[in-house]
Structures are given as C-alpha cells and as structure tokens.
Amino acid sequence: MNNTISPRRHILTRPLAQAIALGAGLGVISLASAQSTTGTLVGQVADHAGNTVLIQSSNGLVRQVPVDARGRYVAAQLPLGAYTVSLQQDGKTVDSRENVTLHVGAATNVSFSAPPGATAGNAAVLSAVNVTSSALPAIDVTSVDSRTVVTADQLAKLPLGRSAEAIAQLAPGVNRNTANFTSATGQALVSFGGSAASENAYYINGFNTTDPLNAAGGLTLPYGAIDQQEVYTGGYSAQYGRSDGGVINQVGKRGSNDWHFGAQVLWEPSFARSDYTDIYYANGNPKTPVAGNLYNPKSKNELSSTTVSAYAGGPLIKDKLFFFLAGEFEREQGKSVNAVDNTSTPYQQYHYDDPRWYGKLDWNINDSNILELTGASDKRIGAGSVYNYDYTARSRGQYTRPLDNTKKGGDLYLAKYTGYLTDNLTVSAMYGEMKTHDYDGPGNYDDSLTYVGGVTNQNPALIGGVPRGNTQISSLADPARGNKTTNTRLDVSYHLGDHTISLGIDNQKAEALHQGTRNTGPGYAWVYGHTDHPDQPLVTGANGVPAPGDFANGQDGYFVQKNIDNNAVSVRSQQRAQYIEDKWQVSDRWLLSLGLRNDQFTDYNSSGQPFITQTRPQWAPRLGFSWDVNGDSSFKVFGNAGRYYLGLPLNPATGAASGYVSTQQYYTYSGIAADGTPTGLTVMSNPVSANNSFGNPPDPNTVTAKNIKAEYQDEFILGFTKTAGTHWLYGAKLTQRILRNAIDDFCDIDRVTAKAAALGYDVGSSNSCYLINPGRENTFNLLDPTGNPFSVTLSNQELGFPQLKRRYYALETFLEHPFDGTWYGRINYTFSRSYGNTEGQLRSDLLQSGASASEDWDNSVIMENTNGPQNNDHTHQVRAFGYYQFNPQWLASANLSVQSGNPRICLGYYGPDHTNPVNYGNAYHWCDGLPSPPGSHGRLPWTYRLDLGVTYRPAFAAHKLGFSANVFNVFNEQRPTFLQPNSEQQAYTPNPLYGTALYREDPRYFRLSVSYDY
C-alpha cells in the first residue's frame, strides 16, 4: 500500500471526487517510481472548460500541457516543490490552484470542474475546487508499490533518531538489525521484510550510495537537508533493482525564487542520559576471572553529542538558476569501558566528528530542459586516548597510547539532465561518482608487541591468577583503503493514449580499493584456550588437532593458538541493467503495470580477471495492478508480483577469489611472559585452516561453481486502502517473499576432490573455498597436475545440504488520521514470520557481517538443524506515531514501538559426543549434545519504546524561532536484543559468556534544540 504520511496532500472536495478521482478515467499514471526524485501532476477538466494547463513552479520552471479529448492531462517527472496549476482557455487563465506540493514517486491530482449548467461559453466562471484542512487526501490509485514517504515537515515534528535508518523504522516490517551491525558512518542497520541487513539499497537524488564492499548501509544526507525520504518495502518498478530487502531513497531540498535560510543547535548531554546496564557472565565464571563475574561495567560509559547545522537557498538568477546549501557538524564524545578480556583497549576516551554537507544547483535552461548538479558528503572521523582500567575498583588507570585515528565515509557528485522534448516524450540522463574512505591508523604503533587474545583462558598457575596482556591492537589496514562507485542512467518515457511506456539503462561500476587487514607486530597473534577434557582431540577430521593432554604441560587442558591472518586486495564489479515498462490505464478504474528488467553482473579478482560472468539474460518481470473500486479514489485494491536480482557485494572477491591467509597452529606452554606471550612452547599441530585458506591465489575459473546463478527473490503482494468517514484511512496488505537462489562460500574441498578421484581424475589443485549456489547441484572446476582444467559435478545430496530456504510472510494493517490542522496519527500492526535455513548474505546470530562469507553453507555439518525462525524474525510489531498542534505556538509528538523478541540461539560442539569434525568449534547447531534448530530455545523478551517531544514556536518571533525537547526511551527499558549464542568454549567445557546480553536497548536520553527558520 502507499503509506505516504505527508499531511499536506492537495485533494478535491467529496462532491467532485467521483468525477475527477486520481487515475479514474485519466488514462495516465505516475511516471515516478522507486528511487525517483520527481513527482507527477494529473487531473480531469470539465467538458469545454479549458484546453491547456499551465504549470509554474516556485523556482521558475514552466510547463504547458494539453487537455486531451476526454478532458485529461498529465505532467510527469516534475522536480519536487510547490506549484501553481492554472487552467487556460484559448490562452487565458480561467481557474488556478496555488501551493500544490508534489510528493516523490506519486501522482498529485489537481482537477477542474465546471458548476452545474456551465457551458463552453461561460467557462470563465468555472467554480473553484476548495481544498480544506479537514478533507481526506485522495488515495493514490496510480501506485502499485509499497512505500512510506516522510516529509521534511514531519521530520521536524516527530521525535526520531537523526538517521535514514531511524526514519525507515516508521515503515511496517522494518526493524533494527539484532546484531547491532552498523554502517561505516556509525548508523545502526535495518532489516526489511525478513531479508539480511546487507540486502537493501540507499539512494540520494537518484544516485545509489550503497556501500559496495558489504552493502552495509550507504551515504545519507544531513538531516535538515532532507526534503522527503521514501522507504520502499516492496513492489517497485522494473526501472530499479539490486535489492531484495528494501530501499531508502532520500531526496534533498532545492532552491526557489524565495530566499530561505536557517540554523539549528542540538544537544544531547551526558548528565541527562541514564546509565547503561552492566554486563555479567551469565553462565559461570572463566578460569581466570578478572573481576569475579563482571564482564563489562557499561554503567561507567558516558556519551554526549552536540550538533550545529545551517542552510540557505534561493535564486542566483530569478526563474533560471537556484542553489541550496546545507551543512551539519556533529561532535560525539564520551568514555567507554570495554570488556575484561580486552587488554589492548580496556578504557577509552573518544570523540567522533561527523561533518556532513549537501549542495544543489538547479538550472532551468528553458522550459523544456533542466540541469541539476548535486554534491554531498557524509563522514565520520574519530580519535581519542586509551587508558588502563582497574575492573575491581572500577577506576581508570594510566594513559597507555592514542586511540586509532579513523576516517570513514566520503563524498558524491552527480549531474542529471531532464528534457521535456514534447508533450508526450521525456528523457532524463544521470551520471555520478562516489568515493569513500576506510582509514584506520593506529597511534604510536609499536611493532615489537604481539597481540594476545583470550587472556581469561590463561593457566592461572602461571600468572598468579591475574591475566596478562599488552596494548597491541589486533590488525592493521592499508591507509589508502576505501571504495569507489559510479552510476550511469538513461531513462526515456513516452505517453501514448492509455499507455505510458518507459525504457532505459541502469549501470553501476564499483571498486573496493586496498581492502583487508594483516596481523600486527611479528605477523601473528596468540590466542589462549582451555578445555575441561584434555584427553580429547581439539579438532577431529582431516585437519585434526590432537588432545592437549598428549603433550607436555597440556594435562590441565590449557593451550594457545598461533593465528595468522593476512588479506589486502583491490577488486571491482560491473552491474548493468536494461528495462521496459508499460503503465496501462485499461479502463477508468483499472490500471496495469507491466515491466521487464534484465540484470547482468560481472565480478573481477585482484588481477582484473572476471571470476563471475552473469551476462546472459536474467529476466525480472514486475507485474502490478490497481483497482479503483468505487471510482472515486476512496477504496483501492492493488497487487504486485515481481522478481528481484541482487548482485554480489565486493566482499567475496576479496576472499575466496583472491587467496587469503587464515591459519591456526596449536601449542601447549609452560610459562607466560609479562607481555602475555606464551613461553616454553610445545607444538601440537601443523598450521591448519578450516577453509584451506593458505594464501594461494586461485585460478579465476576455479573460484565459483560453473555457470553460477545470481541471487534472486520472488515477491507477491495483495492489499487494499480505504477511507473511513471523512477523517480516517485504513488498510491491510499481505506479502510473501521467497528466496529462490543465493550465493555463498563452500569450503568442504575434500568432498570435491574425493568425487574427482572416484571419477578417475588426478587433482593438481583446487580452490580453498568455492562460491556456489547453495541447496542446488553445483559443478566445480579443478586443475590436474599439468594445469589442465576439468569439471566435477556434485548433486545437492552429495554436498550434504538441505534445500535453500528463506521465506517471509506478513500481514500489515494500518489506521491513519491525516493532519487536519490540529493532529496527525498513524498506527501499524504487522504479523510476520521469517523462517528457513539461512538469513541470507549475513549471519546476525554469529555477528558475521561479511556479505556472502558467513559460516552458512561452508560444509554440510554446519547446516544441520538450521531450519527455523531466523534471527531477524519478530512475529508481532506495533508502530504508532503522531503529533498534536495545540495552537500555532505549541506542538507535542510521540513515537511508540512495540515488538516481540527474536529467537534465542544455542550453538555448541557437534553431535551427542561434542566432536569438532570440520574445525568450526562451538558454532554447530547442537546444544548440550542435542539438536538445536533456531527457535527451539524460546524467544528474547518483548521490547517497548516510547519517545516523546514538545516544540514551542513563540508568536513574538513570528513562529520562526523554535525550542524543542525530546526524550527517547521514556521508561528506560534496556531489554536484551542479542544474547551470546555459543554454549561451549571447548567440547564439554561450558562458555561462561553463553546467554550473556551483549546488546540491549539504548538507555533513556534527552535532546534539546533551538532553531530559526526564515
């Protein structure tokens, strides 16, 4: 359903609605769709009342469109803004409407009707159509998609977090990711309709800003520069793709013939923020506790932020050239105590500077051609200091080193041309570039130190019961690490009778530059471990690790791993698409949307060689309908069926396609030095790798299964929207999503080589891991000893996998009271289920955010007992929000979110005998020797969050000066949202962290602000 929640939609009074309903008898529809930056004007004109419609924007754009033989007109792809729409008869204005505001991706109806008895001869006395604040907005019967639109006016009124993701959570079926995954600029990612948090797309003014490496969010606008934000939850047109989750589309403000400027200061003080809840071990204490059962004294954390923003916009040349410029600077600073096992950064004082800016130039070359130039920047720059910390006394110790200097985010620039070549033909073209940084430079780096982890597992007899470590950081990155994306679009739209035909291209090139990390110090790290059963092997299978009790100093179960990790490469991808679409007004009440999209994806390794070539047609049909049941835009039934292809982010190219190192070698030890490194080592094993990751760059032809298919999902939607009296709207929508195909890495190479040997092949080399289509038959390319290629096919049964399964179904309902000059309110209830044996590209339950590189599908045993509700499944969700305008000076607002908890997860060693057949340790879907599918251990608790706001705009300042106060999480509920899932440290050795609430709801905090808008 169209969940537009703007309070300022222009409508016609009920006596005229039947004659001039949106889309009824118009034969034309909205040309704007998902990721659009424009809107459409449509209308009906009474017989002989006028023959043209003159459209004039507040920034000087003028279009004159004809009224057809049936009294209809359409003006498509209009820039957002305020318009005056005038009906003309023989060049003279006979009626007009002022301050008509367009909404992105939607059709706005402005119609004209003569009074009873009027004829062509008295058209000049055409009666006005009144727009009243109490009238309901007409339902947009031209749309077949599912979206929520939030305007700048509402952003200024509602108590919201200042991020695109916080705004998106106003839409039904959108939830904060349970694993606390964040974007490069620190924003919490969201999940749409059961999909992984990496399967969404982000847009600014039509440019795709999605992170190309892991699809972890994207660049977004300064909050005050947002004109409108669309949140698409399904059903969008063939013009757009590359998302099987949702779309966040931001359209920035633009200048006009009127000068506007303003400024704002916001403050979130630390003294008005409630304490975080301390974290304690939930399953016993470690062998060498630092401070009893205390894991993280989060109540000692402090956080405050101050944001200063300003904007200005107006004409550089009246009616021709306009600018809008906005800047925002946020300083976030605080103190943070990390967990007791974090010896490198136990306590930190930090600050983050978040500079953001946005600029736009609009040039009306003439009435038929316009040019738009956009620049934007979204960055996060961090620094600070590291100190020792006494966890028993809960007091800060001495300064040790500077915190890493970080710089994330980047800049984008784009140009868009729109040509209204004829009354029926419109052409637009866009090109843009985005560059982002991922700099992480350690301060006072000491390469003589070796990183030490797992200190709470050190043998207490060797350290006097006090764990030993040092301040070394865990990894180093290339200073030039970053990403680059370019977008090119060409769109052509032609209106022909009852059809509006659109076609075009949508191309994107992405590069990941110098991505990856390497070990610090000598090039390896030490990580301590312990088992309660030293007589049993640590790892079984081909790459086994024997029992520590068989070696000197291992009889008590203490051991240490020497870990080597090294990966730093540059890779790229090319994604192209072509589409054609017909919006067909079949009759006065029926609209059909018929679209077809063809996506092609090519991925290149670090040597510039393609290892995925999906350039054969990948047809994605998009079929939708809208039925104006009563013919007066008071009751709409709509439906949509579509296929959505998703290209791979670049992360898999940096791993399986490039040959990385990730090995572990096991030792026992007889001593521990003052810096935490082990001494008196006895070798237990050669270097082993669960994924055969020994750093050998693979032949590009052996990286993927032969003829690997792209990820895609099918979606089906059926819903309705209806008026209820003169003040209410309500509706419901059914959605089903079925993931048909996915791509993930498969690392059980022994199955492949064994099949090759059985077929009589002599294997010279194979890949460490393959990218495959899980749950299907896959054909693998290998090389014989002379380098000649050959192929081996394994059925899904031979791979040992279940069928791929991720399904989502939902019933969404809503009740809305549009703004009537006094109050606005909306409540959504969503019942949904997201279930199957995979979350998608990520694994939230294991905090694995590398796209298509999680432990899912690595081997057969890791996929046993995986079917059930997935980690982002919330069965019940209620969202209610709104505001009340007491008078021109005082406004109160509220935002309520209630949702049921996600599944509890319990993972452990494999089978009833707690074995470790493929060296995946405590990550199998077994718990206490029993199968442990998702959802078999109950649910986390429901969460309830209420945010409140009040705004005062005094009359003495002409209501331009505003003072606001917001309180978030009023009742300070800090219920857990993520529990540590691993029940064992080693086989039969309980993990003291199992069940510990690592993430909770944010505590209560206040925001104060003062603003001035002219």
Foldseek 3Di string as FASTA:
>chain_A
DEAEFDQDAFAFDPVCLLVKPALFFQLDFAPFWPLAQFTKEKTFEAPLLAFWKWKAFLAQFIDIFTQDPRRMAMDYRHGFGWIKIFGHHPRHTQDIDGRHTGDGRAYGYDYFYADPPDDNVVSSPGDDGDTALLFDHFFGLRDFFYKYKDFLVVLVFFPFDQDLLRVLVLGPQKAFFLLQQADLLGHTFIWAQLFDSLQEWEEENSDTQQAQFQSHDGDDAGSNFFGMWMKTRDQIFQQDFQGPTIYIHTYGDWAGADKKKKKKKKKFAQVFFQFDDFFFQPAAAFPQHQAGRGWFGRSPKTKMKMKIKMKIKHAPDGSFKIKIKMKMKMKMWMKGAHTPQQAQARIWTKIKIWIKMKMKMWGCVDNFKIKMKIKIWTKIWMKTWGFDARPNVGDTHGTDWIAWTWMWTWMKIKMKMWGNPDSFKIKMKMKMKIKIFTATGGTPADLQAAFEGAQSQDDCVFPVSHGFAANHDFKDFDRRWIKMKMWIKIKMWGRDRSKIKMKIKIKMKMKTAFDDIFGGHPGKHKYKFFDCCQQAWQAAAPQTFGRLCVDPQCVRGIKMKIKGWDFTAMWMKIKMKIKMWMFGSPHSFKIKIWMKMWMWMWIAARVRHTLDGRPDTDIKIKIKMWGPPVSSSAKIKMKIKIKHFHDFRCNVRRAQQAQIDIWIWMWRADHADNNGHGHRTDGRHDIDDLLQRHRDRDDSPQAAFPPADTKMKMKIKIKMKHADPRFKIKMKMKMKMWTDWAKAKARPCVLVVVQCVVVPAAFQDHTSIHIHTQQAKTKGWGAHVVGDIDIDIDGNVSQQAHHFTWMKIKMKMKMWGRRSPWKTKMKMKMFMFIWTQDSGQAASQQSGSRGRYDPPNHGNQQSPQATDTGQPTWGIKMWMWMKGDPDLFKIKIKIKIKIAFGWAAAWQADALQRHRHSPPGGNHCAHNRHGHYTRPVDGFGMDIKMKMKMKGQDVVLVSQKIKMKMKTRVVFDWGASHANHGQASGRVHGDSRGRIRPGTDGGMIMMIMIMGMD
